[in-house]
Amino acid sequence: MSFQTNLSNYNNNNYRSGTLIARLIWYAFNVIFFKSSWIVYSPFKVIILKLFGAKVGKGVLIKPNVNIKYPWRLIIGNHVWIGENVWIDNLDMVNIGDNVCISQGAMLLTGNHNYNKITFDLITQPVILENGVWVGAKSIVCPGVICASHSVLTAGSVASDDLEAFTINKGNPAVVVKSRSIKS
């Protein structure tokens, strides 16, 4: 017997993402100050994130058109750059270390669906970007991935598995193409 996906049976009532009021207020702030093309002073964006429960370090630069799903599930270290059109879809925790660069159009995804179940259940896993990581433009970090210290995910690549420390990773799925050496 063959079963087929039936989205009419989809139910994610067991998923908790914060109160309805908190989500509605955040969505308004997100649209006005983060997802807009307005040049909003980064320290002001940091204050807003902290008011909504994010833990944010010093020297964080957030460009225009950034989409953050839930700031209360976000930790950002010191001296982090978040480029234009970055999407942090943090249905689960996203932990960004110090001196991390997330280039324009990159996506950090923490949610997926169980394609083996008829009900297509939601699955969430955290994403961790350790210190010194560079996530290239238009690249994707998938749920549950740890990008280890100073790893690089090149432009347009997809990290569906953990990235090793001090490696440069390219492709879909991303594979190690060489070691990263940092010179003074």
N, C-alpha and C. Protein backbone atom coordinates (compact mmCIF):
# COMPACT_ATOMS: atom_id res chain seq x y z
N MET A 1 0.84 -1.17 0.00
CA MET A 1 0.00 0.00 0.00
C MET A 1 0.89 1.24 0.00
N SER A 2 0.52 2.23 -0.77
CA SER A 2 1.31 3.45 -0.89
C SER A 2 0.53 4.62 -0.27
N PHE A 3 1.19 5.32 0.60
CA PHE A 3 0.58 6.50 1.21
C PHE A 3 1.10 7.74 0.49
N GLN A 4 0.34 8.79 0.56
CA GLN A 4 0.74 10.06 -0.05
C GLN A 4 0.64 11.16 1.00
N THR A 5 1.44 12.19 0.80
CA THR A 5 1.39 13.34 1.69
C THR A 5 -0.01 13.94 1.65
N ASN A 6 -0.53 14.29 2.81
CA ASN A 6 -1.84 14.90 2.91
C ASN A 6 -1.72 16.13 3.80
N LEU A 7 -1.53 17.28 3.19
CA LEU A 7 -1.30 18.51 3.95
C LEU A 7 -2.54 18.96 4.73
N SER A 8 -3.71 18.43 4.42
CA SER A 8 -4.89 18.79 5.19
C SER A 8 -4.80 18.25 6.62
N ASN A 9 -3.92 17.26 6.84
CA ASN A 9 -3.71 16.70 8.18
C ASN A 9 -2.56 17.37 8.93
N TYR A 10 -1.91 18.36 8.29
CA TYR A 10 -0.76 19.02 8.93
C TYR A 10 -1.21 19.74 10.19
N ASN A 11 -0.42 19.58 11.25
CA ASN A 11 -0.74 20.21 12.53
C ASN A 11 0.56 20.44 13.28
N ASN A 12 0.86 21.68 13.56
CA ASN A 12 2.07 21.96 14.33
C ASN A 12 1.72 22.60 15.68
N ASN A 13 0.63 22.18 16.27
CA ASN A 13 0.20 22.73 17.56
C ASN A 13 1.20 22.48 18.68
N ASN A 14 2.07 21.49 18.52
CA ASN A 14 3.06 21.23 19.57
C ASN A 14 4.25 22.19 19.47
N TYR A 15 4.34 22.98 18.40
CA TYR A 15 5.43 23.94 18.23
C TYR A 15 5.08 25.24 18.94
N ARG A 16 6.00 25.73 19.75
CA ARG A 16 5.79 26.98 20.50
C ARG A 16 6.81 28.02 20.05
N SER A 17 6.31 29.16 19.60
CA SER A 17 7.19 30.20 19.07
C SER A 17 7.04 31.53 19.81
N GLY A 18 6.47 31.52 20.97
CA GLY A 18 6.22 32.76 21.70
C GLY A 18 4.75 33.09 21.65
N THR A 19 4.34 34.04 22.45
CA THR A 19 2.93 34.41 22.50
C THR A 19 2.50 35.11 21.22
N LEU A 20 1.22 35.06 20.93
CA LEU A 20 0.68 35.70 19.74
C LEU A 20 0.97 37.20 19.77
N ILE A 21 0.80 37.82 20.92
CA ILE A 21 1.05 39.27 21.06
C ILE A 21 2.51 39.59 20.76
N ALA A 22 3.44 38.83 21.33
CA ALA A 22 4.87 39.07 21.10
C ALA A 22 5.20 38.91 19.62
N ARG A 23 4.65 37.89 18.98
CA ARG A 23 4.92 37.67 17.56
C ARG A 23 4.37 38.80 16.71
N LEU A 24 3.16 39.25 16.99
CA LEU A 24 2.55 40.33 16.21
C LEU A 24 3.34 41.63 16.36
N ILE A 25 3.73 41.96 17.59
CA ILE A 25 4.52 43.18 17.81
C ILE A 25 5.87 43.05 17.11
N TRP A 26 6.52 41.87 17.24
CA TRP A 26 7.80 41.68 16.57
C TRP A 26 7.66 41.80 15.06
N TYR A 27 6.62 41.20 14.47
CA TYR A 27 6.44 41.27 13.02
C TYR A 27 6.39 42.72 12.55
N ALA A 28 5.69 43.57 13.30
CA ALA A 28 5.61 44.99 12.94
C ALA A 28 7.00 45.65 13.01
N PHE A 29 7.73 45.42 14.10
CA PHE A 29 9.08 45.99 14.23
C PHE A 29 10.01 45.44 13.15
N ASN A 30 9.89 44.15 12.85
CA ASN A 30 10.74 43.51 11.84
C ASN A 30 10.51 44.17 10.48
N VAL A 31 9.25 44.39 10.11
CA VAL A 31 8.93 45.00 8.81
C VAL A 31 9.43 46.44 8.76
N ILE A 32 9.22 47.19 9.81
CA ILE A 32 9.58 48.62 9.81
C ILE A 32 11.08 48.84 9.89
N PHE A 33 11.78 48.13 10.76
CA PHE A 33 13.18 48.45 11.04
C PHE A 33 14.21 47.48 10.45
N PHE A 34 13.81 46.27 10.13
CA PHE A 34 14.77 45.28 9.64
C PHE A 34 14.56 44.93 8.17
N LYS A 35 13.35 44.56 7.80
CA LYS A 35 13.08 44.12 6.43
C LYS A 35 12.97 45.28 5.45
N SER A 36 12.95 46.50 5.93
CA SER A 36 12.81 47.66 5.05
C SER A 36 14.15 48.06 4.43
N SER A 37 14.07 48.87 3.39
CA SER A 37 15.26 49.38 2.73
C SER A 37 15.79 50.64 3.42
N TRP A 38 15.08 51.10 4.41
CA TRP A 38 15.54 52.29 5.14
C TRP A 38 16.89 52.00 5.76
N ILE A 39 17.73 52.99 5.77
CA ILE A 39 19.03 52.86 6.43
C ILE A 39 18.79 53.19 7.91
N VAL A 40 18.61 52.16 8.69
CA VAL A 40 18.39 52.33 10.13
C VAL A 40 19.71 52.05 10.83
N TYR A 41 20.10 52.94 11.68
CA TYR A 41 21.35 52.86 12.42
C TYR A 41 21.45 51.51 13.15
N SER A 42 22.53 50.77 12.91
CA SER A 42 22.69 49.42 13.48
C SER A 42 22.55 49.37 15.00
N PRO A 43 23.16 50.30 15.75
CA PRO A 43 22.97 50.24 17.22
C PRO A 43 21.50 50.30 17.63
N PHE A 44 20.68 51.01 16.85
CA PHE A 44 19.25 51.07 17.14
C PHE A 44 18.61 49.70 16.91
N LYS A 45 19.02 49.01 15.83
CA LYS A 45 18.50 47.66 15.56
C LYS A 45 18.91 46.70 16.68
N VAL A 46 20.12 46.86 17.18
CA VAL A 46 20.60 46.01 18.28
C VAL A 46 19.73 46.21 19.52
N ILE A 47 19.40 47.45 19.82
CA ILE A 47 18.54 47.76 20.97
C ILE A 47 17.19 47.07 20.81
N ILE A 48 16.62 47.16 19.61
CA ILE A 48 15.32 46.52 19.35
C ILE A 48 15.42 45.00 19.54
N LEU A 49 16.47 44.39 18.98
CA LEU A 49 16.65 42.95 19.15
C LEU A 49 16.73 42.56 20.62
N LYS A 50 17.49 43.33 21.39
CA LYS A 50 17.63 43.04 22.82
C LYS A 50 16.29 43.19 23.55
N LEU A 51 15.50 44.20 23.18
CA LEU A 51 14.19 44.38 23.79
C LEU A 51 13.28 43.18 23.55
N PHE A 52 13.50 42.48 22.44
CA PHE A 52 12.70 41.30 22.11
C PHE A 52 13.37 40.00 22.54
N GLY A 53 14.43 40.09 23.35
CA GLY A 53 15.00 38.90 23.96
C GLY A 53 16.25 38.34 23.32
N ALA A 54 16.74 38.94 22.24
CA ALA A 54 17.99 38.45 21.63
C ALA A 54 19.16 38.83 22.54
N LYS A 55 20.19 38.02 22.49
CA LYS A 55 21.45 38.34 23.17
C LYS A 55 22.41 38.79 22.08
N VAL A 56 22.86 40.05 22.16
CA VAL A 56 23.65 40.64 21.08
C VAL A 56 24.89 41.30 21.67
N GLY A 57 26.04 41.00 21.09
CA GLY A 57 27.32 41.56 21.52
C GLY A 57 27.54 42.97 21.00
N LYS A 58 28.77 43.43 21.13
CA LYS A 58 29.11 44.80 20.71
C LYS A 58 29.63 44.79 19.27
N GLY A 59 29.53 45.95 18.62
CA GLY A 59 30.07 46.10 17.28
C GLY A 59 29.34 45.32 16.21
N VAL A 60 28.04 45.06 16.38
CA VAL A 60 27.26 44.30 15.41
C VAL A 60 26.73 45.25 14.34
N LEU A 61 26.90 44.86 13.08
CA LEU A 61 26.44 45.65 11.94
C LEU A 61 25.35 44.87 11.22
N ILE A 62 24.16 45.47 11.13
CA ILE A 62 23.02 44.83 10.47
C ILE A 62 22.59 45.73 9.32
N LYS A 63 22.71 45.24 8.11
CA LYS A 63 22.35 45.99 6.90
C LYS A 63 20.84 45.98 6.70
N PRO A 64 20.33 46.74 5.69
CA PRO A 64 18.89 46.76 5.40
C PRO A 64 18.38 45.43 4.86
N ASN A 65 17.07 45.27 4.90
CA ASN A 65 16.34 44.13 4.33
C ASN A 65 16.71 42.79 4.97
N VAL A 66 17.03 42.80 6.25
CA VAL A 66 17.32 41.56 6.97
C VAL A 66 16.01 41.07 7.59
N ASN A 67 15.75 39.78 7.48
CA ASN A 67 14.54 39.19 8.05
C ASN A 67 14.92 38.25 9.18
N ILE A 68 14.45 38.54 10.36
CA ILE A 68 14.70 37.69 11.54
C ILE A 68 13.35 37.19 12.04
N LYS A 69 13.20 35.86 12.08
CA LYS A 69 11.91 35.27 12.45
C LYS A 69 11.56 35.55 13.90
N TYR A 70 12.41 35.12 14.85
CA TYR A 70 12.12 35.28 16.27
C TYR A 70 13.38 35.70 17.02
N PRO A 71 13.49 36.96 17.41
CA PRO A 71 14.72 37.43 18.09
C PRO A 71 14.96 36.73 19.43
N TRP A 72 13.93 36.23 20.06
CA TRP A 72 14.11 35.55 21.35
C TRP A 72 14.79 34.19 21.18
N ARG A 73 15.06 33.80 19.95
CA ARG A 73 15.81 32.57 19.65
C ARG A 73 17.10 32.90 18.89
N LEU A 74 17.74 34.00 19.31
CA LEU A 74 18.92 34.48 18.58
C LEU A 74 20.00 34.94 19.54
N ILE A 75 21.22 34.45 19.32
CA ILE A 75 22.40 34.92 20.05
C ILE A 75 23.41 35.37 19.00
N ILE A 76 23.86 36.61 19.13
CA ILE A 76 24.85 37.17 18.21
C ILE A 76 26.04 37.64 19.02
N GLY A 77 27.24 37.21 18.65
CA GLY A 77 28.46 37.59 19.34
C GLY A 77 28.92 39.00 18.98
N ASN A 78 30.18 39.27 19.27
CA ASN A 78 30.78 40.59 19.03
C ASN A 78 31.28 40.71 17.60
N HIS A 79 31.16 41.92 17.06
CA HIS A 79 31.72 42.28 15.75
C HIS A 79 31.24 41.36 14.64
N VAL A 80 29.93 41.19 14.58
CA VAL A 80 29.28 40.37 13.56
C VAL A 80 28.72 41.28 12.47
N TRP A 81 28.88 40.88 11.23
CA TRP A 81 28.31 41.59 10.09
C TRP A 81 27.20 40.75 9.50
N ILE A 82 26.02 41.36 9.35
CA ILE A 82 24.88 40.69 8.74
C ILE A 82 24.48 41.51 7.52
N GLY A 83 24.68 40.95 6.33
CA GLY A 83 24.49 41.67 5.07
C GLY A 83 23.04 41.81 4.65
N GLU A 84 22.86 42.60 3.59
CA GLU A 84 21.53 42.86 3.05
C GLU A 84 20.84 41.57 2.62
N ASN A 85 19.55 41.54 2.85
CA ASN A 85 18.69 40.42 2.42
C ASN A 85 19.02 39.09 3.08
N VAL A 86 19.69 39.11 4.22
CA VAL A 86 19.92 37.87 4.97
C VAL A 86 18.61 37.47 5.62
N TRP A 87 18.33 36.17 5.61
CA TRP A 87 17.13 35.65 6.26
C TRP A 87 17.57 34.69 7.36
N ILE A 88 17.27 35.06 8.59
CA ILE A 88 17.51 34.20 9.74
C ILE A 88 16.15 33.62 10.13
N ASP A 89 15.88 32.43 9.63
CA ASP A 89 14.59 31.77 9.85
C ASP A 89 14.71 30.88 11.07
N ASN A 90 14.79 31.52 12.23
CA ASN A 90 15.11 30.80 13.46
C ASN A 90 13.86 30.33 14.20
N LEU A 91 13.29 29.26 13.68
CA LEU A 91 12.23 28.55 14.39
C LEU A 91 12.81 27.86 15.63
N ASP A 92 14.12 27.64 15.61
CA ASP A 92 14.90 27.08 16.71
C ASP A 92 16.03 28.08 16.97
N MET A 93 16.89 27.79 17.93
CA MET A 93 17.98 28.71 18.27
C MET A 93 18.98 28.86 17.12
N VAL A 94 19.44 30.09 16.94
CA VAL A 94 20.57 30.40 16.07
C VAL A 94 21.59 31.08 16.94
N ASN A 95 22.79 30.50 16.98
CA ASN A 95 23.88 31.03 17.80
C ASN A 95 25.02 31.43 16.86
N ILE A 96 25.31 32.72 16.83
CA ILE A 96 26.34 33.29 15.95
C ILE A 96 27.48 33.77 16.83
N GLY A 97 28.68 33.23 16.61
CA GLY A 97 29.85 33.57 17.41
C GLY A 97 30.41 34.95 17.07
N ASP A 98 31.60 35.24 17.59
CA ASP A 98 32.27 36.51 17.36
C ASP A 98 32.90 36.55 15.97
N ASN A 99 32.98 37.76 15.41
CA ASN A 99 33.69 38.01 14.14
C ASN A 99 33.18 37.13 13.00
N VAL A 100 31.87 36.98 12.94
CA VAL A 100 31.22 36.21 11.88
C VAL A 100 30.69 37.17 10.82
N CYS A 101 30.83 36.79 9.57
CA CYS A 101 30.29 37.56 8.45
C CYS A 101 29.25 36.71 7.74
N ILE A 102 28.02 37.23 7.68
CA ILE A 102 26.95 36.57 6.93
C ILE A 102 26.64 37.50 5.75
N SER A 103 27.06 37.09 4.56
CA SER A 103 26.97 37.95 3.39
C SER A 103 25.55 38.03 2.83
N GLN A 104 25.35 39.00 1.94
CA GLN A 104 24.04 39.33 1.40
C GLN A 104 23.33 38.13 0.79
N GLY A 105 22.04 38.05 1.14
CA GLY A 105 21.19 37.01 0.58
C GLY A 105 21.35 35.63 1.19
N ALA A 106 22.20 35.48 2.20
CA ALA A 106 22.39 34.17 2.83
C ALA A 106 21.16 33.82 3.66
N MET A 107 20.97 32.52 3.86
CA MET A 107 19.84 32.04 4.66
C MET A 107 20.33 31.08 5.74
N LEU A 108 19.87 31.31 6.97
CA LEU A 108 20.11 30.39 8.08
C LEU A 108 18.76 29.76 8.39
N LEU A 109 18.62 28.47 8.13
CA LEU A 109 17.34 27.78 8.27
C LEU A 109 17.37 26.80 9.43
N THR A 110 16.37 26.86 10.29
CA THR A 110 16.31 25.93 11.42
C THR A 110 15.12 24.99 11.35
N GLY A 111 14.31 25.12 10.32
CA GLY A 111 13.13 24.28 10.21
C GLY A 111 13.05 23.53 8.90
N ASN A 112 12.40 22.39 8.96
CA ASN A 112 12.19 21.56 7.79
C ASN A 112 10.94 20.72 8.06
N HIS A 113 10.61 19.84 7.16
CA HIS A 113 9.45 18.97 7.35
C HIS A 113 9.86 17.51 7.19
N ASN A 114 9.17 16.67 7.91
CA ASN A 114 9.41 15.23 7.83
C ASN A 114 8.67 14.69 6.61
N TYR A 115 9.39 14.54 5.50
CA TYR A 115 8.78 14.10 4.25
C TYR A 115 8.44 12.62 4.26
N ASN A 116 8.81 11.90 5.32
CA ASN A 116 8.47 10.48 5.44
C ASN A 116 7.13 10.25 6.12
N LYS A 117 6.54 11.31 6.67
CA LYS A 117 5.26 11.17 7.36
C LYS A 117 4.15 11.78 6.50
N ILE A 118 3.03 11.14 6.49
CA ILE A 118 1.89 11.61 5.72
C ILE A 118 1.47 13.02 6.16
N THR A 119 1.71 13.33 7.44
CA THR A 119 1.31 14.63 8.00
C THR A 119 2.36 15.72 7.79
N PHE A 120 3.56 15.40 7.22
CA PHE A 120 4.57 16.39 6.86
C PHE A 120 4.99 17.24 8.06
N ASP A 121 5.16 16.58 9.22
CA ASP A 121 5.42 17.27 10.49
C ASP A 121 6.61 18.22 10.43
N LEU A 122 6.50 19.30 11.18
CA LEU A 122 7.59 20.27 11.31
C LEU A 122 8.71 19.67 12.15
N ILE A 123 9.95 19.87 11.70
CA ILE A 123 11.14 19.45 12.44
C ILE A 123 12.01 20.68 12.59
N THR A 124 12.49 20.97 13.79
CA THR A 124 13.40 22.10 13.98
C THR A 124 14.69 21.63 14.63
N GLN A 125 15.79 22.28 14.26
CA GLN A 125 17.10 22.03 14.85
C GLN A 125 17.86 23.35 14.86
N PRO A 126 18.69 23.57 15.87
CA PRO A 126 19.45 24.83 15.93
C PRO A 126 20.54 24.91 14.85
N VAL A 127 21.01 26.12 14.62
CA VAL A 127 22.15 26.39 13.74
C VAL A 127 23.19 27.11 14.58
N ILE A 128 24.45 26.70 14.44
CA ILE A 128 25.55 27.32 15.18
C ILE A 128 26.62 27.76 14.20
N LEU A 129 26.97 29.04 14.26
CA LEU A 129 28.10 29.58 13.50
C LEU A 129 29.15 29.97 14.53
N GLU A 130 30.23 29.21 14.61
CA GLU A 130 31.27 29.49 15.60
C GLU A 130 32.09 30.71 15.19
N ASN A 131 33.01 31.13 16.04
CA ASN A 131 33.82 32.33 15.81
C ASN A 131 34.52 32.30 14.45
N GLY A 132 34.53 33.46 13.77
CA GLY A 132 35.29 33.63 12.55
C GLY A 132 34.70 33.01 11.30
N VAL A 133 33.48 32.51 11.37
CA VAL A 133 32.84 31.88 10.21
C VAL A 133 32.45 32.94 9.18
N TRP A 134 32.55 32.58 7.91
CA TRP A 134 32.06 33.43 6.83
C TRP A 134 31.06 32.63 6.01
N VAL A 135 29.81 33.10 6.00
CA VAL A 135 28.75 32.49 5.19
C VAL A 135 28.61 33.38 3.97
N GLY A 136 28.98 32.84 2.79
CA GLY A 136 29.01 33.62 1.56
C GLY A 136 27.63 34.02 1.06
N ALA A 137 27.63 34.97 0.11
CA ALA A 137 26.41 35.50 -0.47
C ALA A 137 25.55 34.39 -1.08
N LYS A 138 24.24 34.50 -0.85
CA LYS A 138 23.25 33.57 -1.40
C LYS A 138 23.49 32.11 -1.03
N SER A 139 24.19 31.88 0.07
CA SER A 139 24.40 30.50 0.52
C SER A 139 23.36 30.14 1.57
N ILE A 140 23.25 28.84 1.87
CA ILE A 140 22.24 28.35 2.79
C ILE A 140 22.89 27.45 3.83
N VAL A 141 22.55 27.70 5.10
CA VAL A 141 22.96 26.82 6.20
C VAL A 141 21.68 26.12 6.67
N CYS A 142 21.65 24.80 6.56
CA CYS A 142 20.46 24.01 6.85
C CYS A 142 20.30 23.70 8.34
N PRO A 143 19.11 23.26 8.76
CA PRO A 143 18.85 22.94 10.17
C PRO A 143 19.84 21.94 10.73
N GLY A 144 20.29 22.21 11.96
CA GLY A 144 21.16 21.30 12.68
C GLY A 144 22.64 21.42 12.34
N VAL A 145 22.99 22.31 11.43
CA VAL A 145 24.38 22.43 10.99
C VAL A 145 25.20 23.28 11.96
N ILE A 146 26.42 22.82 12.22
CA ILE A 146 27.41 23.59 12.97
C ILE A 146 28.51 23.97 12.00
N CYS A 147 28.71 25.26 11.80
CA CYS A 147 29.84 25.75 11.01
C CYS A 147 30.95 26.04 12.02
N ALA A 148 31.95 25.15 12.05
CA ALA A 148 33.01 25.23 13.07
C ALA A 148 33.89 26.45 12.83
N SER A 149 34.70 26.75 13.82
CA SER A 149 35.54 27.94 13.87
C SER A 149 36.24 28.24 12.54
N HIS A 150 36.02 29.44 12.04
CA HIS A 150 36.69 29.98 10.86
C HIS A 150 36.45 29.20 9.58
N SER A 151 35.37 28.42 9.55
CA SER A 151 35.02 27.76 8.29
C SER A 151 34.38 28.79 7.36
N VAL A 152 34.46 28.50 6.06
CA VAL A 152 33.89 29.37 5.03
C VAL A 152 32.93 28.54 4.19
N LEU A 153 31.75 29.09 3.95
CA LEU A 153 30.78 28.52 3.03
C LEU A 153 30.72 29.48 1.85
N THR A 154 31.22 29.06 0.69
CA THR A 154 31.34 29.99 -0.44
C THR A 154 29.97 30.38 -1.00
N ALA A 155 29.97 31.45 -1.79
CA ALA A 155 28.75 32.00 -2.37
C ALA A 155 27.94 30.93 -3.09
N GLY A 156 26.64 30.92 -2.82
CA GLY A 156 25.73 30.01 -3.50
C GLY A 156 25.79 28.57 -3.06
N SER A 157 26.52 28.28 -2.00
CA SER A 157 26.68 26.90 -1.55
C SER A 157 25.64 26.54 -0.49
N VAL A 158 25.49 25.23 -0.25
CA VAL A 158 24.51 24.74 0.71
C VAL A 158 25.21 23.84 1.73
N ALA A 159 25.18 24.25 3.00
CA ALA A 159 25.74 23.43 4.08
C ALA A 159 24.61 22.59 4.66
N SER A 160 24.56 21.32 4.27
CA SER A 160 23.55 20.41 4.82
C SER A 160 24.15 19.52 5.90
N ASP A 161 25.48 19.54 6.03
CA ASP A 161 26.21 18.84 7.09
C ASP A 161 27.18 19.82 7.74
N ASP A 162 27.67 19.45 8.92
CA ASP A 162 28.60 20.32 9.65
C ASP A 162 29.83 20.65 8.80
N LEU A 163 30.35 21.86 8.99
CA LEU A 163 31.58 22.29 8.33
C LEU A 163 32.71 22.22 9.34
N GLU A 164 33.84 21.67 8.92
CA GLU A 164 35.01 21.54 9.79
C GLU A 164 35.71 22.88 9.96
N ALA A 165 36.41 23.04 11.07
CA ALA A 165 37.14 24.27 11.37
C ALA A 165 38.20 24.54 10.31
N PHE A 166 38.37 25.81 9.98
CA PHE A 166 39.41 26.28 9.06
C PHE A 166 39.38 25.57 7.71
N THR A 167 38.16 25.38 7.18
CA THR A 167 38.02 24.80 5.84
C THR A 167 37.21 25.74 4.97
N ILE A 168 37.42 25.63 3.66
CA ILE A 168 36.62 26.36 2.69
C ILE A 168 35.74 25.32 2.01
N ASN A 169 34.42 25.58 2.01
CA ASN A 169 33.43 24.61 1.56
C ASN A 169 32.62 25.19 0.41
N LYS A 170 32.41 24.38 -0.62
CA LYS A 170 31.78 24.87 -1.84
C LYS A 170 30.83 23.83 -2.41
N GLY A 171 29.74 24.30 -3.02
CA GLY A 171 28.84 23.43 -3.76
C GLY A 171 27.55 23.10 -3.04
N ASN A 172 26.76 22.23 -3.69
CA ASN A 172 25.50 21.77 -3.14
C ASN A 172 25.41 20.26 -3.36
N PRO A 173 25.62 19.48 -2.30
CA PRO A 173 25.97 19.90 -0.94
C PRO A 173 27.42 20.36 -0.86
N ALA A 174 27.68 21.25 0.08
CA ALA A 174 29.03 21.80 0.24
C ALA A 174 30.02 20.72 0.65
N VAL A 175 31.17 20.76 0.00
CA VAL A 175 32.27 19.86 0.34
C VAL A 175 33.53 20.70 0.53
N VAL A 176 34.47 20.16 1.29
CA VAL A 176 35.73 20.87 1.54
C VAL A 176 36.52 20.94 0.24
N VAL A 177 36.93 22.16 -0.14
CA VAL A 177 37.76 22.32 -1.34
C VAL A 177 39.20 22.65 -0.98
N LYS A 178 39.41 23.23 0.21
CA LYS A 178 40.76 23.47 0.69
C LYS A 178 40.72 23.96 2.13
N SER A 179 41.90 24.09 2.71
CA SER A 179 42.02 24.60 4.07
C SER A 179 42.06 26.12 4.04
N ARG A 180 41.64 26.73 5.12
CA ARG A 180 41.69 28.18 5.26
C ARG A 180 42.86 28.52 6.16
N SER A 181 43.77 29.33 5.63
CA SER A 181 44.87 29.82 6.47
C SER A 181 44.74 31.34 6.54
N ILE A 182 44.81 31.85 7.74
CA ILE A 182 44.65 33.28 7.96
C ILE A 182 46.01 33.88 8.26
N LYS A 183 46.35 34.90 7.49
CA LYS A 183 47.66 35.57 7.65
C LYS A 183 47.47 36.93 8.30
N SER A 184 48.50 37.39 8.97
CA SER A 184 48.38 38.70 9.62
C SER A 184 48.57 39.83 8.64
